[in-house]
Amino acid sequence: MDTKRPLRFGVYVVTSSGLAQGRGHRDVTLAAVEGGADAIQLRAPELSDDELLPVASDLATACYAAGALFVVNNRVDVAAESGASGAHVGQDDDVAGARARLGSGRILGVSVATPEEARAAETAGGDYLGVTVWPTPTKPEAVPRGLEGLRAVVEATTLPVVGIGGIRTGNAELVLAAGSVGVAVISAVGAADDPVAATRELVDIVSRWKARNR
């Protein structure tokens, strides 16, 4: 299986468990894929590696069949073993080490907050960057950088940058206008009454914005 898919980040959905009663990581992933999301990140800090691996393997297969990028948050070894497209790590992780463990055939995303961190992540082998734009209760430890902070990171790197944090249908275009190649969301899909429809709405907003701004 060729795991390193082209980087398309129109709508990037990060999974969650429990934002809606009875809805787990698999449910969020399948809904996002059905709704047309380009990328899925499995973020399951509540699961051990042994618990996460079969989930990741199952979802990697589903995303591959749908043509969606699938990455695993933080657990680089699980990402490699599961057949995921790659992994996403943070500033507290060893980016160069993650790249070495993944090899050249898988994608590595890195969360950054500043232009300096962006340049360091690019040098260490990152393929794309994530920047927290606004505060989010689903990841309260992330420091929001605002639209100006997002723009500063975009201008500092040649890598694609994806905004995350507090993004919804009403402000997605602001994030794109600041230079983000797409929008990453958690609760906007995971907590939605209809996650498939919520994904489709975001896909439509991003697609229309990109068509107007080619």
Protein backbone atom coordinates (compact mmCIF):
# COMPACT_ATOMS: atom_id res chain seq x y z
CA MET A 1 0.00 0.00 0.00
CA ASP A 2 1.36 3.41 -0.98
CA THR A 3 0.73 5.33 2.23
CA LYS A 4 2.11 8.73 1.24
CA ARG A 5 -0.86 10.39 -0.39
CA PRO A 6 -0.83 13.84 -2.04
CA LEU A 7 -1.33 16.63 0.50
CA ARG A 8 -4.89 17.91 0.10
CA PHE A 9 -6.14 19.76 3.15
CA GLY A 10 -9.42 21.39 2.22
CA VAL A 11 -11.21 19.98 5.26
CA TYR A 12 -9.14 18.14 7.86
CA VAL A 13 -11.12 16.43 10.62
CA VAL A 14 -9.50 15.48 13.93
CA THR A 15 -11.39 12.67 15.64
CA SER A 16 -12.80 12.75 19.12
CA SER A 17 -14.66 10.39 21.38
CA GLY A 18 -17.61 11.43 23.49
CA LEU A 19 -18.40 14.87 22.06
CA ALA A 20 -21.72 13.37 21.03
CA GLN A 21 -23.26 10.55 23.03
CA GLY A 22 -22.33 7.15 21.63
CA ARG A 23 -20.10 8.59 18.88
CA GLY A 24 -16.53 7.32 18.81
CA HIS A 25 -13.47 7.71 16.61
CA ARG A 26 -14.72 5.30 13.97
CA ASP A 27 -18.09 7.06 13.74
CA VAL A 28 -16.47 10.49 13.34
CA THR A 29 -14.02 9.19 10.74
CA LEU A 30 -16.62 7.46 8.60
CA ALA A 31 -18.94 10.47 8.77
CA ALA A 32 -16.13 12.83 7.79
CA VAL A 33 -15.11 10.61 4.89
CA GLU A 34 -18.71 10.36 3.69
CA GLY A 35 -18.98 14.13 3.91
CA GLY A 36 -15.94 14.62 1.69
CA ALA A 37 -13.14 15.46 4.13
CA ASP A 38 -9.69 15.38 2.56
CA ALA A 39 -7.79 14.36 5.69
CA ILE A 40 -8.49 12.62 8.99
CA GLN A 41 -6.34 12.65 12.11
CA LEU A 42 -6.98 9.96 14.71
CA ARG A 43 -6.43 11.65 18.07
CA ALA A 44 -7.16 9.22 20.89
CA PRO A 45 -5.08 10.00 23.98
CA GLU A 46 -7.42 7.88 26.08
CA LEU A 47 -6.34 4.68 24.30
CA SER A 48 -3.16 2.69 24.91
CA ASP A 49 -1.01 1.73 21.93
CA ASP A 50 -2.40 -1.80 22.02
CA GLU A 51 -5.95 -0.46 21.99
CA LEU A 52 -5.20 2.15 19.35
CA LEU A 53 -3.51 -0.08 16.79
CA PRO A 54 -6.57 -2.08 15.62
CA VAL A 55 -8.63 1.13 15.46
CA ALA A 56 -5.94 2.86 13.42
CA SER A 57 -5.53 -0.14 11.11
CA ASP A 58 -9.27 -0.28 10.44
CA LEU A 59 -9.57 3.44 9.80
CA ALA A 60 -6.43 3.55 7.65
CA THR A 61 -8.05 1.01 5.33
CA ALA A 62 -11.34 2.95 5.21
CA CYS A 63 -9.62 6.27 4.51
CA TYR A 64 -7.34 4.76 1.87
CA ALA A 65 -10.35 3.33 0.04
CA ALA A 66 -12.04 6.73 0.11
CA GLY A 67 -8.93 8.59 -1.08
CA ALA A 68 -8.56 10.52 2.17
CA LEU A 69 -5.30 11.16 3.98
CA PHE A 70 -5.16 9.42 7.37
CA VAL A 71 -2.66 10.29 10.09
CA VAL A 72 -2.29 9.25 13.72
CA ASN A 73 -1.69 11.86 16.41
CA ASN A 74 1.59 11.47 18.35
CA ARG A 75 1.85 7.67 18.22
CA VAL A 76 4.43 7.39 15.45
CA ASP A 77 4.99 3.66 15.85
CA VAL A 78 1.26 2.98 15.70
CA ALA A 79 1.04 5.12 12.58
CA ALA A 80 3.75 3.12 10.88
CA GLU A 81 2.42 -0.28 11.94
CA SER A 82 -1.22 0.48 11.10
CA GLY A 83 -0.62 1.48 7.49
CA ALA A 84 -1.60 5.10 8.12
CA SER A 85 -0.49 7.78 5.67
CA GLY A 86 1.62 9.23 8.47
CA ALA A 87 1.65 10.88 11.87
CA HIS A 88 1.18 14.29 13.44
CA VAL A 89 3.39 15.41 16.31
CA GLY A 90 3.79 18.46 18.54
CA GLN A 91 6.59 20.69 19.70
CA ASP A 92 7.23 18.47 22.73
CA ASP A 93 7.98 15.56 20.42
CA ASP A 94 11.20 14.70 18.59
CA VAL A 95 10.34 15.80 15.05
CA ALA A 96 13.55 14.53 13.45
CA GLY A 97 13.18 11.25 15.32
CA ALA A 98 9.59 10.91 14.13
CA ARG A 99 10.73 11.46 10.56
CA ALA A 100 13.40 8.79 10.94
CA ARG A 101 10.91 6.28 12.36
CA LEU A 102 8.32 6.98 9.67
CA GLY A 103 10.80 6.88 6.82
CA SER A 104 10.40 8.86 3.61
CA GLY A 105 7.23 7.11 2.46
CA ARG A 106 4.91 8.56 5.08
CA ILE A 107 3.67 12.05 5.86
CA LEU A 108 4.69 13.96 8.97
CA GLY A 109 2.67 16.88 10.31
CA VAL A 110 3.95 19.16 13.05
CA SER A 111 2.09 21.58 15.32
CA VAL A 112 3.90 24.92 15.55
CA ALA A 113 3.20 28.31 17.09
CA THR A 114 5.88 30.63 15.73
CA PRO A 115 7.84 31.25 12.52
CA GLU A 116 10.95 29.90 14.24
CA GLU A 117 9.22 26.65 15.10
CA ALA A 118 7.90 26.44 11.55
CA ARG A 119 11.37 26.73 10.04
CA ALA A 120 12.76 24.18 12.50
CA ALA A 121 9.96 21.72 11.69
CA GLU A 122 10.60 22.12 7.98
CA THR A 123 14.32 21.48 8.47
CA ALA A 124 13.60 18.40 10.59
CA GLY A 125 11.52 16.80 7.86
CA GLY A 126 7.93 17.94 8.39
CA ASP A 127 5.56 17.78 5.42
CA TYR A 128 2.88 20.16 6.71
CA LEU A 129 2.26 22.35 9.75
CA GLY A 130 -0.69 22.96 12.06
CA VAL A 131 -1.31 26.25 13.87
CA THR A 132 -3.89 26.89 16.60
CA VAL A 133 -5.85 29.98 15.60
CA TRP A 134 -8.46 30.49 18.32
CA PRO A 135 -9.00 28.97 21.78
CA THR A 136 -10.68 25.58 21.82
CA PRO A 137 -12.07 23.60 24.76
CA THR A 138 -11.21 20.34 22.99
CA LYS A 139 -7.49 21.16 23.31
CA PRO A 140 -7.18 23.80 26.06
CA GLU A 141 -3.39 23.42 26.33
CA ALA A 142 -2.88 24.75 22.80
CA VAL A 143 -1.86 28.42 22.69
CA PRO A 144 -4.00 30.36 20.18
CA ARG A 145 -2.01 32.52 17.75
CA GLY A 146 -4.85 34.33 16.04
CA LEU A 147 -5.04 35.13 12.35
CA GLU A 148 -1.88 37.24 12.45
CA GLY A 149 0.07 34.42 14.08
CA LEU A 150 -1.21 32.03 11.44
CA ARG A 151 -0.21 34.43 8.69
CA ALA A 152 3.28 34.82 10.17
CA VAL A 153 3.84 31.07 10.11
CA VAL A 154 2.55 30.83 6.53
CA GLU A 155 5.02 33.50 5.43
CA ALA A 156 7.93 31.76 7.19
CA THR A 157 7.72 28.37 5.47
CA THR A 158 7.27 26.70 2.13
CA LEU A 159 5.23 23.91 3.75
CA PRO A 160 1.43 23.87 3.63
CA VAL A 161 -0.11 25.24 6.84
CA VAL A 162 -3.47 24.21 8.28
CA GLY A 163 -5.32 26.30 10.85
CA ILE A 164 -7.09 24.60 13.75
CA GLY A 165 -8.85 25.73 16.91
CA GLY A 166 -12.24 27.38 17.17
CA ILE A 167 -12.93 27.04 13.46
CA ARG A 168 -16.51 26.71 12.26
CA THR A 169 -18.56 27.54 9.19
CA GLY A 170 -18.84 31.22 10.12
CA ASN A 171 -15.11 31.91 10.30
CA ALA A 172 -13.52 29.31 8.01
CA GLU A 173 -13.00 31.81 5.20
CA LEU A 174 -11.01 34.10 7.51
CA VAL A 175 -8.58 31.25 8.14
CA LEU A 176 -8.22 30.56 4.43
CA ALA A 177 -7.68 34.24 3.71
CA ALA A 178 -4.81 34.24 6.22
CA GLY A 179 -2.99 31.68 4.09
CA SER A 180 -4.14 28.35 5.48
CA VAL A 181 -4.46 25.64 2.81
CA GLY A 182 -7.48 24.23 4.61
CA VAL A 183 -9.36 24.13 7.90
CA ALA A 184 -8.91 21.54 10.63
CA VAL A 185 -11.84 20.97 12.98
CA ILE A 186 -12.75 18.78 15.92
CA SER A 187 -16.06 19.72 17.52
CA ALA A 188 -17.48 21.32 14.36
CA VAL A 189 -17.87 17.77 13.05
CA GLY A 190 -17.48 15.53 16.10
CA ALA A 191 -20.15 17.34 18.12
CA ALA A 192 -22.49 18.16 15.23
CA ASP A 193 -26.03 16.77 15.19
CA ASP A 194 -25.31 15.48 11.69
CA PRO A 195 -21.54 15.08 11.23
CA VAL A 196 -21.86 14.11 7.57
CA ALA A 197 -23.83 17.26 6.76
CA ALA A 198 -21.48 19.37 8.89
CA THR A 199 -18.49 18.07 6.92
CA ARG A 200 -20.23 18.69 3.61
CA GLU A 201 -21.01 22.26 4.59
CA LEU A 202 -17.37 22.93 5.43
CA VAL A 203 -16.24 21.25 2.21
CA ASP A 204 -18.60 23.48 0.25
CA ILE A 205 -17.35 26.64 1.98
CA VAL A 206 -13.70 25.77 1.38
CA SER A 207 -14.29 24.69 -2.23
CA ARG A 208 -16.20 27.86 -3.09
CA TRP A 209 -13.57 30.07 -1.43
CA LYS A 210 -10.75 28.37 -3.33
CA ALA A 211 -12.65 28.64 -6.61
CA ARG A 212 -13.04 32.38 -6.08
CA ASN A 213 -9.42 32.90 -5.09
CA ARG A 214 -7.42 30.85 -7.57
